[in-house]
Amino acid sequence: MRNEELVRQGAGRSWRETLIESLIRISGFSVIVIITLIFIFLLREGVPAFVQVSPHDLLGRRWYPIEDMYGLLPLLAGSFLVAIGAVALAVPLGLATAVYLGEIAPNWLREILKPFIEVLAGIPSIVLGFLGWVALAPLIQNAGAPTGLTAFSGSLILAYMALPTIISITEDALYAVPKEYRDGALAIGATQWQTIWRVVLPAARSGIVIAVMLGIGRAIGETMAVMLVTGNAANIPEFGLGAFFQPVRTMTATIAAEMGEVAQGSLHYNVLFGIGIVLFIITFAINSLATRLIGGSGQRRRGGQI
């Protein structure tokens, strides 16, 4: 009887495992199909723009659809400026905060700060954009900027939005590093900081790369908050640090602001989808870079270099 019960239990477990495995396979396949369909739709709606508008015009310096001027350089420059500012602010601060939470802070303080940081990620972007418009922009203007709605305002808001993701994932990656690594480094005379810098951070490199790339993706893909605080001026900023204190317009904000005003099938409509293709390619390139970095760090660890 016991053998029969064990057989029945084993058959039940096998059936459940098969069902779960099938559901996982279906979910993974569904994601691939959905992403493929999205890309096909973008191509169908956006490729006519690259056919009807010459490369010289697409790389122009002026975006003014009323006069059939579809220069993407101001939008690319604005997106790059806001994203690079957000990354420059969020990545160092996020990594430093994660190291403090994971390696230095006492347990009671970590238990308070970690949930608080994760809650910050749930604040809607439109709320942050509105706060940036009514509170942050006047401060920047009072500090001497010509206007408070600038690329720097957008970078600050995006950095704030990316911080919870970077901190949470990086702290989880540091927590996953085996305790034996730390004990071994301390046992041979390394200080706490040397252990963190030379042992823990390299061992958690793959998780840190994922955190940084997700933060960059958030900075590039955000729409509403950026549209509210960057001024929406389709101009190429002057070169230098002063560029951060000029109004700009990003690609995502352009799509959100103009898609509801264009006729379906028009050239303007197709160009907006062409911008979507450019964003898709940029996101794909970032993910591919992250995969290469993670793969490279994994090979180095397997080779005995930590």
C-alpha atoms as a PDB file:
ATOM      1  CA  MET A   1       0.000   0.000   0.000  1.00  0.00           C
ATOM      2  CA  ARG A   2       2.785   2.381   0.870  1.00  0.00           C
ATOM      3  CA  ASN A   3       4.488   1.725  -2.452  1.00  0.00           C
ATOM      4  CA  GLU A   4       1.247   2.413  -4.322  1.00  0.00           C
ATOM      5  CA  GLU A   5       0.740   5.671  -2.393  1.00  0.00           C
ATOM      6  CA  LEU A   6       4.307   6.742  -3.164  1.00  0.00           C
ATOM      7  CA  VAL A   7       3.738   5.943  -6.843  1.00  0.00           C
ATOM      8  CA  ARG A   8       0.508   7.964  -6.865  1.00  0.00           C
ATOM      9  CA  GLN A   9       2.220  10.863  -5.081  1.00  0.00           C
ATOM     10  CA  GLY A  10       5.111  10.729  -7.551  1.00  0.00           C
ATOM     11  CA  ALA A  11       2.670  10.705 -10.460  1.00  0.00           C
ATOM     12  CA  GLY A  12       0.854  13.699  -8.945  1.00  0.00           C
ATOM     13  CA  ARG A  13       4.055  15.619  -8.505  1.00  0.00           C
ATOM     14  CA  SER A  14       5.112  14.779 -12.037  1.00  0.00           C
ATOM     15  CA  TRP A  15       1.754  15.970 -13.411  1.00  0.00           C
ATOM     16  CA  ARG A  16       1.958  19.237 -11.501  1.00  0.00           C
ATOM     17  CA  GLU A  17       5.555  19.801 -12.554  1.00  0.00           C
ATOM     18  CA  THR A  18       4.593  19.144 -16.169  1.00  0.00           C
ATOM     19  CA  LEU A  19       1.746  21.638 -15.951  1.00  0.00           C
ATOM     20  CA  ILE A  20       3.952  24.307 -14.371  1.00  0.00           C
ATOM     21  CA  GLU A  21       6.687  23.716 -16.933  1.00  0.00           C
ATOM     22  CA  SER A  22       4.135  24.020 -19.756  1.00  0.00           C
ATOM     23  CA  LEU A  23       2.796  27.278 -18.326  1.00  0.00           C
ATOM     24  CA  ILE A  24       6.330  28.666 -18.066  1.00  0.00           C
ATOM     25  CA  ARG A  25       7.061  27.693 -21.658  1.00  0.00           C
ATOM     26  CA  ILE A  26       3.800  29.256 -22.866  1.00  0.00           C
ATOM     27  CA  SER A  27       4.539  32.460 -20.943  1.00  0.00           C
ATOM     28  CA  GLY A  28       8.031  32.715 -22.389  1.00  0.00           C
ATOM     29  CA  PHE A  29       6.784  32.042 -25.910  1.00  0.00           C
ATOM     30  CA  SER A  30       3.977  34.585 -25.460  1.00  0.00           C
ATOM     31  CA  VAL A  31       6.479  37.293 -24.501  1.00  0.00           C
ATOM     32  CA  ILE A  32       8.511  36.607 -27.644  1.00  0.00           C
ATOM     33  CA  VAL A  33       5.397  36.684 -29.809  1.00  0.00           C
ATOM     34  CA  ILE A  34       4.122  39.934 -28.254  1.00  0.00           C
ATOM     35  CA  ILE A  35       7.456  41.709 -28.660  1.00  0.00           C
ATOM     36  CA  THR A  36       7.711  40.489 -32.255  1.00  0.00           C
ATOM     37  CA  LEU A  37       4.203  41.737 -33.045  1.00  0.00           C
ATOM     38  CA  ILE A  38       4.975  45.114 -31.487  1.00  0.00           C
ATOM     39  CA  PHE A  39       8.115  45.446 -33.583  1.00  0.00           C
ATOM     40  CA  ILE A  40       6.253  44.391 -36.752  1.00  0.00           C
ATOM     41  CA  PHE A  41       3.560  46.992 -36.060  1.00  0.00           C
ATOM     42  CA  LEU A  42       6.209  49.669 -35.516  1.00  0.00           C
ATOM     43  CA  LEU A  43       7.867  48.721 -38.780  1.00  0.00           C
ATOM     44  CA  ARG A  44       4.583  48.768 -40.676  1.00  0.00           C
ATOM     45  CA  GLU A  45       3.669  52.232 -39.430  1.00  0.00           C
ATOM     46  CA  GLY A  46       7.134  53.758 -39.193  1.00  0.00           C
ATOM     47  CA  VAL A  47       9.079  52.543 -42.237  1.00  0.00           C
ATOM     48  CA  PRO A  48       7.108  54.794 -44.659  1.00  0.00           C
ATOM     49  CA  ALA A  49       8.604  57.774 -42.853  1.00  0.00           C
ATOM     50  CA  PHE A  50      12.127  56.647 -43.711  1.00  0.00           C
ATOM     51  CA  VAL A  51      11.029  56.106 -47.320  1.00  0.00           C
ATOM     52  CA  GLN A  52       9.178  59.398 -47.824  1.00  0.00           C
ATOM     53  CA  VAL A  53      11.576  61.631 -45.866  1.00  0.00           C
ATOM     54  CA  SER A  54      15.163  61.802 -47.044  1.00  0.00           C
ATOM     55  CA  PRO A  55      17.979  60.949 -44.612  1.00  0.00           C
ATOM     56  CA  HIS A  56      19.209  64.531 -44.923  1.00  0.00           C
ATOM     57  CA  ASP A  57      15.866  65.877 -43.713  1.00  0.00           C
ATOM     58  CA  LEU A  58      15.538  63.288 -40.943  1.00  0.00           C
ATOM     59  CA  LEU A  59      18.942  64.317 -39.639  1.00  0.00           C
ATOM     60  CA  GLY A  60      18.015  67.976 -39.857  1.00  0.00           C
ATOM     61  CA  ARG A  61      18.235  70.468 -37.038  1.00  0.00           C
ATOM     62  CA  ARG A  62      14.604  71.584 -37.019  1.00  0.00           C
ATOM     63  CA  TRP A  63      11.445  69.771 -35.938  1.00  0.00           C
ATOM     64  CA  TYR A  64       8.445  71.692 -37.289  1.00  0.00           C
ATOM     65  CA  PRO A  65       5.836  69.285 -38.714  1.00  0.00           C
ATOM     66  CA  ILE A  66       3.524  72.109 -39.845  1.00  0.00           C
ATOM     67  CA  GLU A  67       6.074  72.924 -42.538  1.00  0.00           C
ATOM     68  CA  ASP A  68       7.003  69.263 -43.112  1.00  0.00           C
ATOM     69  CA  MET A  69      10.278  69.618 -41.241  1.00  0.00           C
ATOM     70  CA  TYR A  70      11.049  66.398 -39.416  1.00  0.00           C
ATOM     71  CA  GLY A  71      14.610  66.834 -38.212  1.00  0.00           C
ATOM     72  CA  LEU A  72      15.275  64.350 -35.420  1.00  0.00           C
ATOM     73  CA  LEU A  73      18.522  65.853 -34.168  1.00  0.00           C
ATOM     74  CA  PRO A  74      16.835  68.168 -31.604  1.00  0.00           C
ATOM     75  CA  LEU A  75      14.845  65.238 -30.222  1.00  0.00           C
ATOM     76  CA  LEU A  76      17.872  62.947 -30.119  1.00  0.00           C
ATOM     77  CA  ALA A  77      19.966  65.651 -28.459  1.00  0.00           C
ATOM     78  CA  GLY A  78      17.271  66.374 -25.869  1.00  0.00           C
ATOM     79  CA  SER A  79      16.756  62.695 -25.054  1.00  0.00           C
ATOM     80  CA  PHE A  80      20.495  62.098 -24.757  1.00  0.00           C
ATOM     81  CA  LEU A  81      21.046  65.178 -22.597  1.00  0.00           C
ATOM     82  CA  VAL A  82      18.269  64.358 -20.147  1.00  0.00           C
ATOM     83  CA  ALA A  83      19.213  60.670 -19.981  1.00  0.00           C
ATOM     84  CA  ILE A  84      22.936  61.266 -19.491  1.00  0.00           C
ATOM     85  CA  GLY A  85      22.233  63.779 -16.733  1.00  0.00           C
ATOM     86  CA  ALA A  86      19.888  61.358 -14.983  1.00  0.00           C
ATOM     87  CA  VAL A  87      22.401  58.520 -15.221  1.00  0.00           C
ATOM     88  CA  ALA A  88      25.242  60.723 -13.942  1.00  0.00           C
ATOM     89  CA  LEU A  89      23.151  61.589 -10.898  1.00  0.00           C
ATOM     90  CA  ALA A  90      21.361  58.311 -10.212  1.00  0.00           C
ATOM     91  CA  VAL A  91      24.070  55.693 -10.740  1.00  0.00           C
ATOM     92  CA  PRO A  92      26.708  56.929  -8.237  1.00  0.00           C
ATOM     93  CA  LEU A  93      24.095  57.872  -5.637  1.00  0.00           C
ATOM     94  CA  GLY A  94      22.182  54.626  -6.138  1.00  0.00           C
ATOM     95  CA  LEU A  95      25.263  52.415  -5.894  1.00  0.00           C
ATOM     96  CA  ALA A  96      26.527  54.267  -2.819  1.00  0.00           C
ATOM     97  CA  THR A  97      23.147  53.948  -1.117  1.00  0.00           C
ATOM     98  CA  ALA A  98      22.931  50.245  -1.972  1.00  0.00           C
ATOM     99  CA  VAL A  99      26.423  49.617  -0.570  1.00  0.00           C
ATOM    100  CA  TYR A 100      25.496  51.445   2.617  1.00  0.00           C
ATOM    101  CA  LEU A 101      22.271  49.471   3.020  1.00  0.00           C
ATOM    102  CA  GLY A 102      23.799  46.119   2.156  1.00  0.00           C
ATOM    103  CA  GLU A 103      27.198  46.341   3.826  1.00  0.00           C
ATOM    104  CA  ILE A 104      27.356  49.134   6.410  1.00  0.00           C
ATOM    105  CA  ALA A 105      23.930  50.048   7.803  1.00  0.00           C
ATOM    106  CA  PRO A 106      22.755  48.226  10.961  1.00  0.00           C
ATOM    107  CA  ASN A 107      19.921  45.751  10.518  1.00  0.00           C
ATOM    108  CA  TRP A 108      17.296  47.919  12.231  1.00  0.00           C
ATOM    109  CA  LEU A 109      18.037  50.860   9.939  1.00  0.00           C
ATOM    110  CA  ARG A 110      18.085  48.634   6.834  1.00  0.00           C
ATOM    111  CA  GLU A 111      14.658  47.248   7.733  1.00  0.00           C
ATOM    112  CA  ILE A 112      13.319  50.806   7.790  1.00  0.00           C
ATOM    113  CA  LEU A 113      15.046  52.263   4.739  1.00  0.00           C
ATOM    114  CA  LYS A 114      14.655  49.349   2.302  1.00  0.00           C
ATOM    115  CA  PRO A 115      10.804  49.283   2.295  1.00  0.00           C
ATOM    116  CA  PHE A 116      10.727  53.081   2.230  1.00  0.00           C
ATOM    117  CA  ILE A 117      12.926  53.168  -0.887  1.00  0.00           C
ATOM    118  CA  GLU A 118      10.807  50.505  -2.592  1.00  0.00           C
ATOM    119  CA  VAL A 119       7.639  52.485  -1.860  1.00  0.00           C
ATOM    120  CA  LEU A 120       9.145  55.481  -3.678  1.00  0.00           C
ATOM    121  CA  ALA A 121       9.114  53.436  -6.881  1.00  0.00           C
ATOM    122  CA  GLY A 122       5.329  53.298  -6.737  1.00  0.00           C
ATOM    123  CA  ILE A 123       4.784  57.046  -7.027  1.00  0.00           C
ATOM    124  CA  PRO A 124       3.158  57.753 -10.435  1.00  0.00           C
ATOM    125  CA  SER A 125       5.405  59.556 -12.877  1.00  0.00           C
ATOM    126  CA  ILE A 126       2.749  62.177 -13.610  1.00  0.00           C
ATOM    127  CA  VAL A 127       2.740  63.121  -9.910  1.00  0.00           C
ATOM    128  CA  LEU A 128       6.513  63.516  -9.900  1.00  0.00           C
ATOM    129  CA  GLY A 129       6.338  65.565 -13.076  1.00  0.00           C
ATOM    130  CA  PHE A 130       3.714  67.855 -11.566  1.00  0.00           C
ATOM    131  CA  LEU A 131       5.787  68.295  -8.410  1.00  0.00           C
ATOM    132  CA  GLY A 132       8.809  69.085 -10.539  1.00  0.00           C
ATOM    133  CA  TRP A 133       6.797  71.654 -12.472  1.00  0.00           C
ATOM    134  CA  VAL A 134       5.363  73.486  -9.462  1.00  0.00           C
ATOM    135  CA  ALA A 135       8.200  73.057  -6.937  1.00  0.00           C
ATOM    136  CA  LEU A 136      11.502  72.176  -8.610  1.00  0.00           C
ATOM    137  CA  ALA A 137      11.312  74.428 -11.665  1.00  0.00           C
ATOM    138  CA  PRO A 138      10.885  77.673  -9.645  1.00  0.00           C
ATOM    139  CA  LEU A 139      13.895  76.744  -7.508  1.00  0.00           C
ATOM    140  CA  ILE A 140      16.075  76.232 -10.565  1.00  0.00           C
ATOM    141  CA  GLN A 141      14.895  79.508 -12.090  1.00  0.00           C
ATOM    142  CA  ASN A 142      15.531  81.391  -8.853  1.00  0.00           C
ATOM    143  CA  ALA A 143      19.050  79.928  -8.835  1.00  0.00           C
ATOM    144  CA  GLY A 144      19.836  81.854 -12.014  1.00  0.00           C
ATOM    145  CA  ALA A 145      18.628  79.730 -14.923  1.00  0.00           C
ATOM    146  CA  PRO A 146      16.642  81.537 -17.660  1.00  0.00           C
ATOM    147  CA  THR A 147      13.755  79.159 -16.998  1.00  0.00           C
ATOM    148  CA  GLY A 148      13.071  76.344 -14.589  1.00  0.00           C
ATOM    149  CA  LEU A 149      11.822  73.970 -17.300  1.00  0.00           C
ATOM    150  CA  THR A 150      15.182  72.667 -18.501  1.00  0.00           C
ATOM    151  CA  ALA A 151      17.074  69.486 -19.245  1.00  0.00           C
ATOM    152  CA  PHE A 152      18.509  69.638 -15.731  1.00  0.00           C
ATOM    153  CA  SER A 153      14.995  69.573 -14.256  1.00  0.00           C
ATOM    154  CA  GLY A 154      14.215  66.496 -16.323  1.00  0.00           C
ATOM    155  CA  SER A 155      17.473  64.850 -15.257  1.00  0.00           C
ATOM    156  CA  LEU A 156      16.701  65.436 -11.578  1.00  0.00           C
ATOM    157  CA  ILE A 157      13.209  63.972 -11.870  1.00  0.00           C
ATOM    158  CA  LEU A 158      14.408  60.957 -13.868  1.00  0.00           C
ATOM    159  CA  ALA A 159      17.284  60.361 -11.458  1.00  0.00           C
ATOM    160  CA  TYR A 160      14.797  60.337  -8.588  1.00  0.00           C
ATOM    161  CA  MET A 161      12.614  57.871 -10.498  1.00  0.00           C
ATOM    162  CA  ALA A 162      15.533  55.580 -11.341  1.00  0.00           C
ATOM    163  CA  LEU A 163      17.020  55.530  -7.832  1.00  0.00           C
ATOM    164  CA  PRO A 164      14.612  53.010  -6.242  1.00  0.00           C
ATOM    165  CA  THR A 165      15.238  50.501  -9.039  1.00  0.00           C
ATOM    166  CA  ILE A 166      19.021  50.885  -8.925  1.00  0.00           C
ATOM    167  CA  ILE A 167      19.180  50.754  -5.123  1.00  0.00           C
ATOM    168  CA  SER A 168      16.838  47.794  -4.693  1.00  0.00           C
ATOM    169  CA  ILE A 169      18.360  45.547  -7.364  1.00  0.00           C
ATOM    170  CA  THR A 170      21.940  46.431  -6.420  1.00  0.00           C
ATOM    171  CA  GLU A 171      21.266  45.748  -2.737  1.00  0.00           C
ATOM    172  CA  ASP A 172      19.757  42.363  -3.640  1.00  0.00           C
ATOM    173  CA  ALA A 173      22.828  41.578  -5.742  1.00  0.00           C
ATOM    174  CA  LEU A 174      25.129  42.447  -2.841  1.00  0.00           C
ATOM    175  CA  TYR A 175      23.034  40.324  -0.476  1.00  0.00           C
ATOM    176  CA  ALA A 176      23.425  37.362  -2.842  1.00  0.00           C
ATOM    177  CA  VAL A 177      27.233  37.405  -2.520  1.00  0.00           C
ATOM    178  CA  PRO A 178      28.177  34.469  -0.241  1.00  0.00           C
ATOM    179  CA  LYS A 179      29.194  35.411   3.274  1.00  0.00           C
ATOM    180  CA  GLU A 180      32.313  33.272   2.874  1.00  0.00           C
ATOM    181  CA  TYR A 181      33.725  35.847   0.431  1.00  0.00           C
ATOM    182  CA  ARG A 182      33.586  38.556   3.064  1.00  0.00           C
ATOM    183  CA  ASP A 183      34.888  36.300   5.840  1.00  0.00           C
ATOM    184  CA  GLY A 184      37.793  35.167   3.689  1.00  0.00           C
ATOM    185  CA  ALA A 185      38.816  38.715   2.778  1.00  0.00           C
ATOM    186  CA  LEU A 186      38.611  39.893   6.379  1.00  0.00           C
ATOM    187  CA  ALA A 187      40.543  36.835   7.541  1.00  0.00           C
ATOM    188  CA  ILE A 188      43.568  37.737   5.404  1.00  0.00           C
ATOM    189  CA  GLY A 189      43.633  41.281   6.796  1.00  0.00           C
ATOM    190  CA  ALA A 190      41.504  43.298   4.383  1.00  0.00           C
ATOM    191  CA  THR A 191      39.584  46.227   5.806  1.00  0.00           C
ATOM    192  CA  GLN A 192      35.818  46.481   5.427  1.00  0.00           C
ATOM    193  CA  TRP A 193      36.140  48.984   2.597  1.00  0.00           C
ATOM    194  CA  GLN A 194      38.749  46.844   0.806  1.00  0.00           C
ATOM    195  CA  THR A 195      36.432  43.859   1.139  1.00  0.00           C
ATOM    196  CA  ILE A 196      33.539  45.800  -0.351  1.00  0.00           C
ATOM    197  CA  TRP A 197      35.570  47.331  -3.184  1.00  0.00           C
ATOM    198  CA  ARG A 198      37.772  44.379  -4.146  1.00  0.00           C
ATOM    199  CA  VAL A 199      35.551  41.392  -3.337  1.00  0.00           C
ATOM    200  CA  VAL A 200      31.850  42.120  -2.882  1.00  0.00           C
ATOM    201  CA  LEU A 201      31.308  44.583  -5.734  1.00  0.00           C
ATOM    202  CA  PRO A 202      33.143  42.481  -8.354  1.00  0.00           C
ATOM    203  CA  ALA A 203      31.223  39.387  -7.247  1.00  0.00           C
ATOM    204  CA  ALA A 204      27.918  41.252  -7.636  1.00  0.00           C
ATOM    205  CA  ARG A 205      28.892  42.826 -10.962  1.00  0.00           C
ATOM    206  CA  SER A 206      26.175  41.130 -13.024  1.00  0.00           C
ATOM    207  CA  GLY A 207      23.388  42.281 -10.715  1.00  0.00           C
ATOM    208  CA  ILE A 208      24.819  45.794 -10.580  1.00  0.00           C
ATOM    209  CA  VAL A 209      24.946  45.952 -14.376  1.00  0.00           C
ATOM    210  CA  ILE A 210      21.298  44.891 -14.548  1.00  0.00           C
ATOM    211  CA  ALA A 211      20.359  47.575 -12.018  1.00  0.00           C
ATOM    212  CA  VAL A 212      22.210  50.295 -13.932  1.00  0.00           C
ATOM    213  CA  MET A 213      20.754  49.257 -17.282  1.00  0.00           C
ATOM    214  CA  LEU A 214      17.225  49.196 -15.889  1.00  0.00           C
ATOM    215  CA  GLY A 215      17.830  52.667 -14.503  1.00  0.00           C
ATOM    216  CA  ILE A 216      19.063  53.875 -17.895  1.00  0.00           C
ATOM    217  CA  GLY A 217      16.028  52.296 -19.550  1.00  0.00           C
ATOM    218  CA  ARG A 218      13.762  54.145 -17.146  1.00  0.00           C
ATOM    219  CA  ALA A 219      15.510  57.408 -17.965  1.00  0.00           C
ATOM    220  CA  ILE A 220      15.204  56.908 -21.728  1.00  0.00           C
ATOM    221  CA  GLY A 221      11.648  55.587 -21.763  1.00  0.00           C
ATOM    222  CA  GLU A 222       9.933  57.993 -19.369  1.00  0.00           C
ATOM    223  CA  THR A 223       7.350  60.266 -20.983  1.00  0.00           C
ATOM    224  CA  MET A 224       4.923  62.283 -18.870  1.00  0.00           C
ATOM    225  CA  ALA A 225       7.285  63.560 -16.189  1.00  0.00           C
ATOM    226  CA  VAL A 226       9.827  64.638 -18.805  1.00  0.00           C
ATOM    227  CA  MET A 227       7.173  66.346 -20.888  1.00  0.00           C
ATOM    228  CA  LEU A 228       6.139  68.484 -17.911  1.00  0.00           C
ATOM    229  CA  VAL A 229       9.547  69.679 -16.712  1.00  0.00           C
ATOM    230  CA  THR A 230      11.854  69.971 -19.743  1.00  0.00           C
ATOM    231  CA  GLY A 231      10.152  72.867 -21.532  1.00  0.00           C
ATOM    232  CA  ASN A 232       9.261  70.948 -24.733  1.00  0.00           C
ATOM    233  CA  ALA A 233      11.418  73.145 -26.944  1.00  0.00           C
ATOM    234  CA  ALA A 234      12.645  71.254 -30.008  1.00  0.00           C
ATOM    235  CA  ASN A 235      16.021  73.002 -30.123  1.00  0.00           C
ATOM    236  CA  ILE A 236      19.555  71.681 -30.121  1.00  0.00           C
ATOM    237  CA  PRO A 237      21.160  72.932 -26.876  1.00  0.00           C
ATOM    238  CA  GLU A 238      24.452  74.766 -26.981  1.00  0.00           C
ATOM    239  CA  PHE A 239      27.511  72.664 -26.255  1.00  0.00           C
ATOM    240  CA  GLY A 240      28.767  72.672 -22.669  1.00  0.00           C
ATOM    241  CA  LEU A 241      27.383  72.439 -19.152  1.00  0.00           C
ATOM    242  CA  GLY A 242      25.047  75.315 -19.937  1.00  0.00           C
ATOM    243  CA  ALA A 243      23.110  72.953 -22.196  1.00  0.00           C
ATOM    244  CA  PHE A 244      21.561  71.353 -19.116  1.00  0.00           C
ATOM    245  CA  PHE A 245      19.899  74.660 -18.238  1.00  0.00           C
ATOM    246  CA  GLN A 246      18.123  75.076 -21.556  1.00  0.00           C
ATOM    247  CA  PRO A 247      14.652  73.799 -22.539  1.00  0.00           C
ATOM    248  CA  VAL A 248      14.711  70.601 -24.591  1.00  0.00           C
ATOM    249  CA  ARG A 249      12.288  68.062 -26.001  1.00  0.00           C
ATOM    250  CA  THR A 250      12.725  64.303 -25.845  1.00  0.00           C
ATOM    251  CA  MET A 251      11.552  61.684 -28.325  1.00  0.00           C
ATOM    252  CA  THR A 252       9.086  60.136 -25.909  1.00  0.00           C
ATOM    253  CA  ALA A 253       7.559  63.521 -25.066  1.00  0.00           C
ATOM    254  CA  THR A 254       7.183  64.281 -28.772  1.00  0.00           C
ATOM    255  CA  ILE A 255       5.221  61.081 -29.365  1.00  0.00           C
ATOM    256  CA  ALA A 256       2.974  61.712 -26.348  1.00  0.00           C
ATOM    257  CA  ALA A 257       2.348  65.363 -27.199  1.00  0.00           C
ATOM    258  CA  GLU A 258       1.665  65.000 -30.932  1.00  0.00           C
ATOM    259  CA  MET A 259       0.214  61.546 -31.524  1.00  0.00           C
ATOM    260  CA  GLY A 260      -3.316  62.626 -30.594  1.00  0.00           C
ATOM    261  CA  GLU A 261      -3.238  65.544 -33.040  1.00  0.00           C
ATOM    262  CA  VAL A 262      -2.230  63.784 -36.258  1.00  0.00           C
ATOM    263  CA  ALA A 263      -4.325  61.964 -38.821  1.00  0.00           C
ATOM    264  CA  GLN A 264      -3.742  58.242 -39.099  1.00  0.00           C
ATOM    265  CA  GLY A 265      -1.707  57.410 -42.160  1.00  0.00           C
ATOM    266  CA  SER A 266      -0.284  60.902 -42.596  1.00  0.00           C
ATOM    267  CA  LEU A 267       3.439  61.544 -42.938  1.00  0.00           C
ATOM    268  CA  HIS A 268       3.552  63.125 -39.476  1.00  0.00           C
ATOM    269  CA  TYR A 269       1.884  59.991 -38.086  1.00  0.00           C
ATOM    270  CA  ASN A 270       4.457  57.745 -39.759  1.00  0.00           C
ATOM    271  CA  VAL A 271       7.370  59.887 -38.527  1.00  0.00           C
ATOM    272  CA  LEU A 272       6.156  59.551 -34.943  1.00  0.00           C
ATOM    273  CA  PHE A 273       6.182  55.786 -35.347  1.00  0.00           C
ATOM    274  CA  GLY A 274       9.627  56.128 -36.878  1.00  0.00           C
ATOM    275  CA  ILE A 275      10.700  57.776 -33.628  1.00  0.00           C
ATOM    276  CA  GLY A 276       9.268  54.724 -31.885  1.00  0.00           C
ATOM    277  CA  ILE A 277      11.490  52.504 -34.024  1.00  0.00           C
ATOM    278  CA  VAL A 278      14.520  54.561 -33.027  1.00  0.00           C
ATOM    279  CA  LEU A 279      13.592  54.196 -29.348  1.00  0.00           C
ATOM    280  CA  PHE A 280      13.103  50.466 -29.817  1.00  0.00           C
ATOM    281  CA  ILE A 281      16.561  50.134 -31.372  1.00  0.00           C
ATOM    282  CA  ILE A 282      18.165  52.175 -28.586  1.00  0.00           C
ATOM    283  CA  THR A 283      16.490  50.026 -25.920  1.00  0.00           C
ATOM    284  CA  PHE A 284      17.539  46.853 -27.727  1.00  0.00           C
ATOM    285  CA  ALA A 285      21.125  48.118 -27.924  1.00  0.00           C
ATOM    286  CA  ILE A 286      21.152  48.871 -24.176  1.00  0.00           C
ATOM    287  CA  ASN A 287      19.821  45.402 -23.354  1.00  0.00           C
ATOM    288  CA  SER A 288      22.364  43.780 -25.683  1.00  0.00           C
ATOM    289  CA  LEU A 289      25.173  45.731 -24.030  1.00  0.00           C
ATOM    290  CA  ALA A 290      23.966  44.622 -20.608  1.00  0.00           C
ATOM    291  CA  THR A 291      23.882  41.000 -21.763  1.00  0.00           C
ATOM    292  CA  ARG A 292      27.444  41.225 -23.080  1.00  0.00           C
ATOM    293  CA  LEU A 293      28.682  42.826 -19.864  1.00  0.00           C
ATOM    294  CA  ILE A 294      26.960  40.204 -17.722  1.00  0.00           C
ATOM    295  CA  GLY A 295      28.308  37.403 -19.912  1.00  0.00           C
ATOM    296  CA  GLY A 296      31.812  38.836 -19.744  1.00  0.00           C
ATOM    297  CA  SER A 297      31.730  39.092 -15.958  1.00  0.00           C
ATOM    298  CA  GLY A 298      30.439  35.531 -15.710  1.00  0.00           C
ATOM    299  CA  GLN A 299      33.295  34.223 -17.852  1.00  0.00           C
ATOM    300  CA  ARG A 300      35.837  36.068 -15.729  1.00  0.00           C
ATOM    301  CA  ARG A 301      34.381  34.548 -12.546  1.00  0.00           C
ATOM    302  CA  ARG A 302      34.460  31.075 -14.069  1.00  0.00           C
ATOM    303  CA  GLY A 303      38.079  31.708 -14.956  1.00  0.00           C
ATOM    304  CA  GLY A 304      38.862  32.373 -11.313  1.00  0.00           C
ATOM    305  CA  GLN A 305      39.129  36.155 -11.532  1.00  0.00           C
ATOM    306  CA  ILE A 306      36.806  37.859  -9.044  1.00  0.00           C
END
